[in-house]
Amino acid sequence: MLDNEGIGNNIKRLRIKNNLSQEELASKLYLSRQAISLWEQGKGFPSIDNVVFLSKLFNISIEKLLLLDESFLSLDEYFIFHSRNYIISSLLDNNYKYDLISNFYRFNSEERFLLIKSIINKRIKNIDLNRLIDNLNQDEKVYLSRLNNTNR
């Protein structure tokens, strides 16, 4: 699954790192500045030709440009570059490479309740509930208890 918002953030980061304005990057690609803006907002996506050009321009692999190889991202960058929807979807698909429990604090209240429910319903697998409980606030512990009692 491609994360358009994350890819847009990555293009913006690379553009700024290379001291290019949106206008300058657009000129190199024979596009409008608005096209670059749409990409960076995650509302558009570069053509395959433009992906190849950007990869060469920024001296980065296509995999890294499109965030398919995230080995270069720190955990903080992972949360900066990816949209919240992408991160939650990755968790629900059990395709999240970081320790969820250690990073539970990074999620907002609504996301935390969704994640708790998904863990109890076994949509998110291999989570130690005893470790998770230590990271929950009182409302979340009550919610977890209610879900556990409902599922028995």
N, C-alpha and C. Protein backbone atom coordinates (compact mmCIF):
# COMPACT_ATOMS: atom_id res chain seq x y z
N MET A 1 0.84 -1.17 0.00
CA MET A 1 0.00 0.00 0.00
C MET A 1 0.89 1.24 0.00
N LEU A 2 0.65 2.14 -0.93
CA LEU A 2 1.40 3.39 -0.98
C LEU A 2 0.72 4.43 -0.11
N ASP A 3 1.51 5.23 0.55
CA ASP A 3 1.03 6.31 1.40
C ASP A 3 1.30 7.63 0.69
N ASN A 4 0.28 8.14 -0.01
CA ASN A 4 0.46 9.37 -0.78
C ASN A 4 0.93 10.54 0.08
N GLU A 5 0.35 10.67 1.28
CA GLU A 5 0.76 11.76 2.17
C GLU A 5 2.22 11.59 2.58
N GLY A 6 2.60 10.37 2.92
CA GLY A 6 3.98 10.11 3.32
C GLY A 6 4.95 10.37 2.18
N ILE A 7 4.58 9.93 0.99
CA ILE A 7 5.43 10.15 -0.18
C ILE A 7 5.54 11.65 -0.46
N GLY A 8 4.43 12.35 -0.32
CA GLY A 8 4.45 13.80 -0.50
C GLY A 8 5.36 14.48 0.50
N ASN A 9 5.30 14.05 1.76
CA ASN A 9 6.19 14.59 2.79
C ASN A 9 7.65 14.30 2.45
N ASN A 10 7.89 13.11 1.91
CA ASN A 10 9.25 12.73 1.55
C ASN A 10 9.76 13.58 0.38
N ILE A 11 8.92 13.80 -0.62
CA ILE A 11 9.32 14.65 -1.76
C ILE A 11 9.62 16.06 -1.26
N LYS A 12 8.77 16.56 -0.39
CA LYS A 12 8.99 17.91 0.15
C LYS A 12 10.31 17.98 0.92
N ARG A 13 10.56 16.98 1.78
CA ARG A 13 11.80 16.94 2.55
C ARG A 13 13.01 16.92 1.62
N LEU A 14 12.96 16.09 0.57
CA LEU A 14 14.07 16.00 -0.37
C LEU A 14 14.24 17.28 -1.16
N ARG A 15 13.13 17.90 -1.54
CA ARG A 15 13.19 19.16 -2.29
C ARG A 15 13.88 20.24 -1.44
N ILE A 16 13.46 20.34 -0.19
CA ILE A 16 14.03 21.35 0.70
C ILE A 16 15.50 21.04 0.99
N LYS A 17 15.81 19.77 1.23
CA LYS A 17 17.20 19.36 1.48
C LYS A 17 18.10 19.74 0.31
N ASN A 18 17.54 19.73 -0.90
CA ASN A 18 18.31 20.08 -2.10
C ASN A 18 18.16 21.54 -2.49
N ASN A 19 17.65 22.34 -1.56
CA ASN A 19 17.53 23.79 -1.75
C ASN A 19 16.76 24.18 -3.01
N LEU A 20 15.67 23.48 -3.25
CA LEU A 20 14.82 23.78 -4.41
C LEU A 20 13.47 24.29 -3.94
N SER A 21 12.98 25.30 -4.61
CA SER A 21 11.62 25.74 -4.36
C SER A 21 10.68 24.83 -5.15
N GLN A 22 9.40 24.91 -4.87
CA GLN A 22 8.45 24.15 -5.67
C GLN A 22 8.53 24.60 -7.13
N GLU A 23 8.69 25.87 -7.33
CA GLU A 23 8.78 26.41 -8.69
C GLU A 23 10.00 25.86 -9.43
N GLU A 24 11.14 25.80 -8.74
CA GLU A 24 12.37 25.29 -9.37
C GLU A 24 12.25 23.80 -9.70
N LEU A 25 11.68 23.03 -8.78
CA LEU A 25 11.50 21.61 -9.04
C LEU A 25 10.52 21.41 -10.20
N ALA A 26 9.46 22.18 -10.20
CA ALA A 26 8.46 22.08 -11.28
C ALA A 26 9.12 22.38 -12.63
N SER A 27 9.97 23.38 -12.66
CA SER A 27 10.65 23.76 -13.90
C SER A 27 11.52 22.61 -14.42
N LYS A 28 12.21 21.93 -13.53
CA LYS A 28 13.06 20.80 -13.94
C LYS A 28 12.24 19.65 -14.53
N LEU A 29 10.98 19.53 -14.06
CA LEU A 29 10.11 18.45 -14.51
C LEU A 29 9.15 18.89 -15.62
N TYR A 30 9.22 20.17 -16.00
CA TYR A 30 8.32 20.74 -17.00
C TYR A 30 6.86 20.62 -16.54
N LEU A 31 6.66 20.94 -15.26
CA LEU A 31 5.33 20.90 -14.67
C LEU A 31 5.01 22.24 -14.03
N SER A 32 3.81 22.37 -13.55
CA SER A 32 3.43 23.58 -12.82
C SER A 32 3.83 23.43 -11.35
N ARG A 33 3.99 24.56 -10.68
CA ARG A 33 4.27 24.55 -9.25
C ARG A 33 3.11 23.88 -8.51
N GLN A 34 1.90 24.06 -9.02
CA GLN A 34 0.71 23.47 -8.39
C GLN A 34 0.78 21.94 -8.37
N ALA A 35 1.35 21.35 -9.43
CA ALA A 35 1.50 19.89 -9.48
C ALA A 35 2.40 19.42 -8.33
N ILE A 36 3.50 20.13 -8.12
CA ILE A 36 4.42 19.79 -7.02
C ILE A 36 3.69 19.95 -5.69
N SER A 37 2.95 21.01 -5.55
CA SER A 37 2.19 21.27 -4.32
C SER A 37 1.20 20.13 -4.05
N LEU A 38 0.51 19.68 -5.08
CA LEU A 38 -0.45 18.58 -4.91
C LEU A 38 0.25 17.30 -4.45
N TRP A 39 1.42 17.02 -5.03
CA TRP A 39 2.17 15.83 -4.60
C TRP A 39 2.51 15.95 -3.12
N GLU A 40 3.05 17.12 -2.75
CA GLU A 40 3.52 17.32 -1.38
C GLU A 40 2.38 17.27 -0.36
N GLN A 41 1.17 17.57 -0.80
CA GLN A 41 0.01 17.49 0.08
C GLN A 41 -0.61 16.09 0.08
N GLY A 42 -0.09 15.20 -0.75
CA GLY A 42 -0.65 13.85 -0.84
C GLY A 42 -1.94 13.80 -1.64
N LYS A 43 -2.19 14.85 -2.41
CA LYS A 43 -3.43 14.92 -3.21
C LYS A 43 -3.19 14.54 -4.66
N GLY A 44 -1.97 14.28 -5.00
CA GLY A 44 -1.60 13.86 -6.35
C GLY A 44 -0.40 12.95 -6.24
N PHE A 45 -0.06 12.36 -7.36
CA PHE A 45 1.06 11.42 -7.36
C PHE A 45 1.84 11.60 -8.66
N PRO A 46 3.17 11.61 -8.58
CA PRO A 46 3.97 11.77 -9.80
C PRO A 46 3.83 10.55 -10.73
N SER A 47 3.92 10.81 -12.01
CA SER A 47 3.91 9.71 -12.98
C SER A 47 5.17 8.88 -12.77
N ILE A 48 5.20 7.70 -13.34
CA ILE A 48 6.37 6.83 -13.20
C ILE A 48 7.61 7.51 -13.78
N ASP A 49 7.44 8.25 -14.88
CA ASP A 49 8.58 8.98 -15.45
C ASP A 49 9.11 10.01 -14.45
N ASN A 50 8.19 10.70 -13.78
CA ASN A 50 8.61 11.71 -12.81
C ASN A 50 9.22 11.06 -11.56
N VAL A 51 8.73 9.90 -11.17
CA VAL A 51 9.31 9.17 -10.05
C VAL A 51 10.77 8.82 -10.38
N VAL A 52 11.01 8.33 -11.58
CA VAL A 52 12.38 7.99 -12.00
C VAL A 52 13.25 9.24 -12.01
N PHE A 53 12.73 10.34 -12.55
CA PHE A 53 13.49 11.59 -12.59
C PHE A 53 13.82 12.07 -11.18
N LEU A 54 12.83 12.05 -10.28
CA LEU A 54 13.04 12.50 -8.90
C LEU A 54 14.08 11.62 -8.21
N SER A 55 14.01 10.33 -8.46
CA SER A 55 14.97 9.41 -7.88
C SER A 55 16.39 9.78 -8.29
N LYS A 56 16.57 10.08 -9.57
CA LYS A 56 17.90 10.46 -10.06
C LYS A 56 18.31 11.84 -9.55
N LEU A 57 17.37 12.78 -9.57
CA LEU A 57 17.65 14.14 -9.12
C LEU A 57 18.09 14.17 -7.67
N PHE A 58 17.39 13.43 -6.83
CA PHE A 58 17.68 13.43 -5.40
C PHE A 58 18.69 12.36 -4.99
N ASN A 59 19.16 11.59 -5.98
CA ASN A 59 20.14 10.53 -5.73
C ASN A 59 19.67 9.58 -4.62
N ILE A 60 18.46 9.08 -4.83
CA ILE A 60 17.82 8.19 -3.87
C ILE A 60 17.14 7.08 -4.66
N SER A 61 17.05 5.91 -4.09
CA SER A 61 16.39 4.82 -4.81
C SER A 61 14.89 5.09 -4.91
N ILE A 62 14.28 4.50 -5.90
CA ILE A 62 12.83 4.64 -6.06
C ILE A 62 12.13 4.08 -4.82
N GLU A 63 12.66 2.99 -4.28
CA GLU A 63 12.07 2.39 -3.09
C GLU A 63 12.07 3.36 -1.92
N LYS A 64 13.15 4.08 -1.74
CA LYS A 64 13.22 5.05 -0.64
C LYS A 64 12.37 6.27 -0.94
N LEU A 65 12.35 6.70 -2.18
CA LEU A 65 11.51 7.84 -2.56
C LEU A 65 10.04 7.56 -2.26
N LEU A 66 9.61 6.35 -2.58
CA LEU A 66 8.21 5.96 -2.39
C LEU A 66 7.94 5.33 -1.03
N LEU A 67 8.94 5.40 -0.15
CA LEU A 67 8.84 4.85 1.21
C LEU A 67 8.54 3.36 1.22
N LEU A 68 9.01 2.66 0.19
CA LEU A 68 8.86 1.21 0.16
C LEU A 68 9.98 0.54 0.94
N ASP A 69 11.12 1.21 1.03
CA ASP A 69 12.24 0.77 1.86
C ASP A 69 12.37 1.81 2.95
N GLU A 70 11.88 1.48 4.13
CA GLU A 70 11.87 2.46 5.22
C GLU A 70 13.03 2.27 6.18
N SER A 71 14.00 1.48 5.78
CA SER A 71 15.12 1.19 6.67
C SER A 71 15.90 2.46 7.03
N PHE A 72 15.80 3.48 6.21
CA PHE A 72 16.53 4.71 6.47
C PHE A 72 15.77 5.63 7.41
N LEU A 73 14.50 5.30 7.73
CA LEU A 73 13.69 6.16 8.60
C LEU A 73 13.87 5.77 10.06
N SER A 74 14.11 6.78 10.88
CA SER A 74 14.06 6.54 12.31
C SER A 74 12.60 6.41 12.70
N LEU A 75 12.34 6.00 13.91
CA LEU A 75 10.96 5.88 14.39
C LEU A 75 10.26 7.23 14.34
N ASP A 76 10.95 8.29 14.77
CA ASP A 76 10.35 9.63 14.73
C ASP A 76 10.01 10.01 13.29
N GLU A 77 10.91 9.74 12.36
CA GLU A 77 10.65 10.05 10.95
C GLU A 77 9.49 9.24 10.40
N TYR A 78 9.38 7.99 10.84
CA TYR A 78 8.26 7.15 10.42
C TYR A 78 6.94 7.85 10.74
N PHE A 79 6.85 8.40 11.93
CA PHE A 79 5.63 9.09 12.35
C PHE A 79 5.49 10.46 11.69
N ILE A 80 6.58 11.06 11.31
CA ILE A 80 6.51 12.36 10.63
C ILE A 80 6.10 12.19 9.18
N PHE A 81 6.69 11.23 8.49
CA PHE A 81 6.48 11.09 7.05
C PHE A 81 5.17 10.40 6.69
N HIS A 82 4.69 9.53 7.55
CA HIS A 82 3.48 8.80 7.22
C HIS A 82 2.23 9.44 7.81
N SER A 83 1.14 9.31 7.08
CA SER A 83 -0.14 9.79 7.58
C SER A 83 -0.60 8.89 8.72
N ARG A 84 -1.44 9.42 9.57
CA ARG A 84 -1.98 8.63 10.67
C ARG A 84 -2.76 7.43 10.13
N ASN A 85 -3.53 7.65 9.06
CA ASN A 85 -4.31 6.56 8.48
C ASN A 85 -3.40 5.42 8.02
N TYR A 86 -2.27 5.75 7.42
CA TYR A 86 -1.34 4.74 6.95
C TYR A 86 -0.79 3.94 8.14
N ILE A 87 -0.42 4.63 9.20
CA ILE A 87 0.15 3.95 10.37
C ILE A 87 -0.88 3.02 11.00
N ILE A 88 -2.10 3.51 11.18
CA ILE A 88 -3.16 2.69 11.76
C ILE A 88 -3.45 1.50 10.86
N SER A 89 -3.54 1.73 9.54
CA SER A 89 -3.79 0.62 8.60
C SER A 89 -2.68 -0.41 8.67
N SER A 90 -1.43 0.04 8.80
CA SER A 90 -0.31 -0.88 8.92
C SER A 90 -0.44 -1.75 10.17
N LEU A 91 -0.87 -1.13 11.24
CA LEU A 91 -1.07 -1.89 12.47
C LEU A 91 -2.18 -2.92 12.31
N LEU A 92 -3.29 -2.49 11.71
CA LEU A 92 -4.43 -3.40 11.54
C LEU A 92 -4.11 -4.53 10.57
N ASP A 93 -3.18 -4.29 9.66
CA ASP A 93 -2.75 -5.33 8.71
C ASP A 93 -1.57 -6.14 9.26
N ASN A 94 -1.19 -5.85 10.51
CA ASN A 94 -0.04 -6.51 11.15
C ASN A 94 1.23 -6.35 10.32
N ASN A 95 1.39 -5.15 9.77
CA ASN A 95 2.54 -4.83 8.94
C ASN A 95 3.27 -3.62 9.52
N TYR A 96 3.45 -3.63 10.82
CA TYR A 96 4.07 -2.53 11.56
C TYR A 96 5.35 -3.05 12.17
N LYS A 97 6.48 -2.43 11.86
CA LYS A 97 7.75 -3.01 12.25
C LYS A 97 8.26 -2.54 13.61
N TYR A 98 7.58 -1.60 14.24
CA TYR A 98 8.03 -1.09 15.53
C TYR A 98 7.23 -1.73 16.66
N ASP A 99 7.74 -1.66 17.86
CA ASP A 99 7.07 -2.20 19.03
C ASP A 99 5.88 -1.30 19.38
N LEU A 100 4.69 -1.80 19.17
CA LEU A 100 3.48 -1.01 19.40
C LEU A 100 3.37 -0.56 20.85
N ILE A 101 3.62 -1.45 21.77
CA ILE A 101 3.43 -1.11 23.18
C ILE A 101 4.37 0.01 23.61
N SER A 102 5.61 -0.05 23.20
CA SER A 102 6.57 1.01 23.56
C SER A 102 6.22 2.34 22.92
N ASN A 103 5.46 2.30 21.86
CA ASN A 103 5.11 3.53 21.13
C ASN A 103 3.64 3.90 21.24
N PHE A 104 2.97 3.27 22.17
CA PHE A 104 1.53 3.50 22.34
C PHE A 104 1.24 4.97 22.64
N TYR A 105 2.14 5.64 23.34
CA TYR A 105 1.97 7.04 23.71
C TYR A 105 1.88 7.96 22.49
N ARG A 106 2.36 7.52 21.35
CA ARG A 106 2.36 8.35 20.15
C ARG A 106 0.98 8.53 19.53
N PHE A 107 0.04 7.71 19.96
CA PHE A 107 -1.30 7.73 19.37
C PHE A 107 -2.24 8.59 20.20
N ASN A 108 -3.18 9.23 19.50
CA ASN A 108 -4.15 10.05 20.22
C ASN A 108 -5.20 9.15 20.87
N SER A 109 -6.06 9.74 21.65
CA SER A 109 -7.03 8.97 22.44
C SER A 109 -7.93 8.10 21.56
N GLU A 110 -8.45 8.66 20.50
CA GLU A 110 -9.33 7.91 19.60
C GLU A 110 -8.60 6.71 18.99
N GLU A 111 -7.36 6.95 18.56
CA GLU A 111 -6.56 5.87 17.96
C GLU A 111 -6.26 4.79 19.00
N ARG A 112 -5.98 5.20 20.22
CA ARG A 112 -5.65 4.25 21.28
C ARG A 112 -6.83 3.32 21.57
N PHE A 113 -8.05 3.88 21.63
CA PHE A 113 -9.23 3.05 21.87
C PHE A 113 -9.44 2.07 20.70
N LEU A 114 -9.23 2.55 19.47
CA LEU A 114 -9.35 1.67 18.30
C LEU A 114 -8.33 0.54 18.37
N LEU A 115 -7.11 0.88 18.75
CA LEU A 115 -6.06 -0.13 18.85
C LEU A 115 -6.36 -1.15 19.94
N ILE A 116 -6.85 -0.70 21.08
CA ILE A 116 -7.21 -1.62 22.17
C ILE A 116 -8.28 -2.59 21.68
N LYS A 117 -9.30 -2.05 21.03
CA LYS A 117 -10.38 -2.91 20.53
C LYS A 117 -9.84 -3.92 19.51
N SER A 118 -8.95 -3.46 18.65
CA SER A 118 -8.38 -4.34 17.62
C SER A 118 -7.50 -5.42 18.21
N ILE A 119 -6.84 -5.12 19.31
CA ILE A 119 -6.01 -6.13 19.99
C ILE A 119 -6.92 -7.17 20.64
N ILE A 120 -7.95 -6.73 21.31
CA ILE A 120 -8.87 -7.67 21.98
C ILE A 120 -9.58 -8.54 20.95
N ASN A 121 -9.96 -7.95 19.82
CA ASN A 121 -10.64 -8.72 18.76
C ASN A 121 -9.66 -9.51 17.90
N LYS A 122 -8.37 -9.47 18.28
CA LYS A 122 -7.30 -10.23 17.61
C LYS A 122 -7.07 -9.82 16.16
N ARG A 123 -7.46 -8.60 15.85
CA ARG A 123 -7.11 -8.07 14.53
C ARG A 123 -5.63 -7.69 14.51
N ILE A 124 -5.16 -7.17 15.64
CA ILE A 124 -3.73 -6.93 15.82
C ILE A 124 -3.23 -8.08 16.69
N LYS A 125 -2.24 -8.78 16.18
CA LYS A 125 -1.79 -10.01 16.82
C LYS A 125 -0.49 -9.82 17.60
N ASN A 126 -0.22 -10.79 18.43
CA ASN A 126 1.05 -10.89 19.16
C ASN A 126 1.34 -9.69 20.07
N ILE A 127 0.32 -9.25 20.79
CA ILE A 127 0.50 -8.16 21.74
C ILE A 127 0.31 -8.74 23.15
N ASP A 128 1.27 -8.48 24.00
CA ASP A 128 1.21 -8.93 25.39
C ASP A 128 0.34 -7.95 26.18
N LEU A 129 -0.86 -8.40 26.55
CA LEU A 129 -1.80 -7.51 27.25
C LEU A 129 -1.25 -7.03 28.59
N ASN A 130 -0.47 -7.84 29.25
CA ASN A 130 0.12 -7.41 30.53
C ASN A 130 1.05 -6.22 30.34
N ARG A 131 1.82 -6.23 29.28
CA ARG A 131 2.69 -5.08 28.97
C ARG A 131 1.87 -3.88 28.54
N LEU A 132 0.81 -4.14 27.77
CA LEU A 132 -0.03 -3.04 27.29
C LEU A 132 -0.69 -2.31 28.45
N ILE A 133 -1.18 -3.05 29.42
CA ILE A 133 -1.91 -2.45 30.55
C ILE A 133 -1.06 -1.38 31.25
N ASP A 134 0.23 -1.61 31.34
CA ASP A 134 1.13 -0.63 31.98
C ASP A 134 1.17 0.70 31.24
N ASN A 135 0.77 0.70 29.98
CA ASN A 135 0.81 1.91 29.16
C ASN A 135 -0.55 2.59 29.01
N LEU A 136 -1.56 2.08 29.69
CA LEU A 136 -2.91 2.61 29.54
C LEU A 136 -3.26 3.57 30.67
N ASN A 137 -4.08 4.56 30.34
CA ASN A 137 -4.62 5.42 31.38
C ASN A 137 -5.85 4.74 31.99
N GLN A 138 -6.43 5.34 33.01
CA GLN A 138 -7.53 4.68 33.73
C GLN A 138 -8.73 4.41 32.82
N ASP A 139 -9.12 5.37 31.98
CA ASP A 139 -10.26 5.17 31.07
C ASP A 139 -10.00 4.01 30.11
N GLU A 140 -8.78 3.90 29.64
CA GLU A 140 -8.43 2.82 28.72
C GLU A 140 -8.44 1.46 29.42
N LYS A 141 -8.02 1.44 30.67
CA LYS A 141 -8.06 0.19 31.44
C LYS A 141 -9.50 -0.27 31.65
N VAL A 142 -10.39 0.67 31.93
CA VAL A 142 -11.81 0.34 32.10
C VAL A 142 -12.37 -0.18 30.78
N TYR A 143 -12.03 0.48 29.69
CA TYR A 143 -12.49 0.06 28.35
C TYR A 143 -11.98 -1.35 28.04
N LEU A 144 -10.72 -1.60 28.31
CA LEU A 144 -10.13 -2.91 28.08
C LEU A 144 -10.85 -3.98 28.91
N SER A 145 -11.12 -3.67 30.15
CA SER A 145 -11.81 -4.61 31.03
C SER A 145 -13.21 -4.93 30.49
N ARG A 146 -13.92 -3.90 30.05
CA ARG A 146 -15.26 -4.11 29.49
C ARG A 146 -15.20 -4.97 28.23
N LEU A 147 -14.23 -4.69 27.36
CA LEU A 147 -14.09 -5.50 26.14
C LEU A 147 -13.76 -6.95 26.47
N ASN A 148 -12.87 -7.13 27.42
CA ASN A 148 -12.49 -8.49 27.82
C ASN A 148 -13.69 -9.26 28.36
N ASN A 149 -14.50 -8.59 29.17
CA ASN A 149 -15.68 -9.25 29.74
C ASN A 149 -16.73 -9.56 28.67
N THR A 150 -16.85 -8.70 27.67
CA THR A 150 -17.81 -8.89 26.58
C THR A 150 -17.39 -10.07 25.70
N ASN A 151 -16.09 -10.23 25.49
CA ASN A 151 -15.58 -11.28 24.60
C ASN A 151 -15.47 -12.64 25.26
N ARG A 152 -15.79 -12.76 26.53
CA ARG A 152 -15.68 -14.06 27.21
C ARG A 152 -16.89 -14.88 27.03
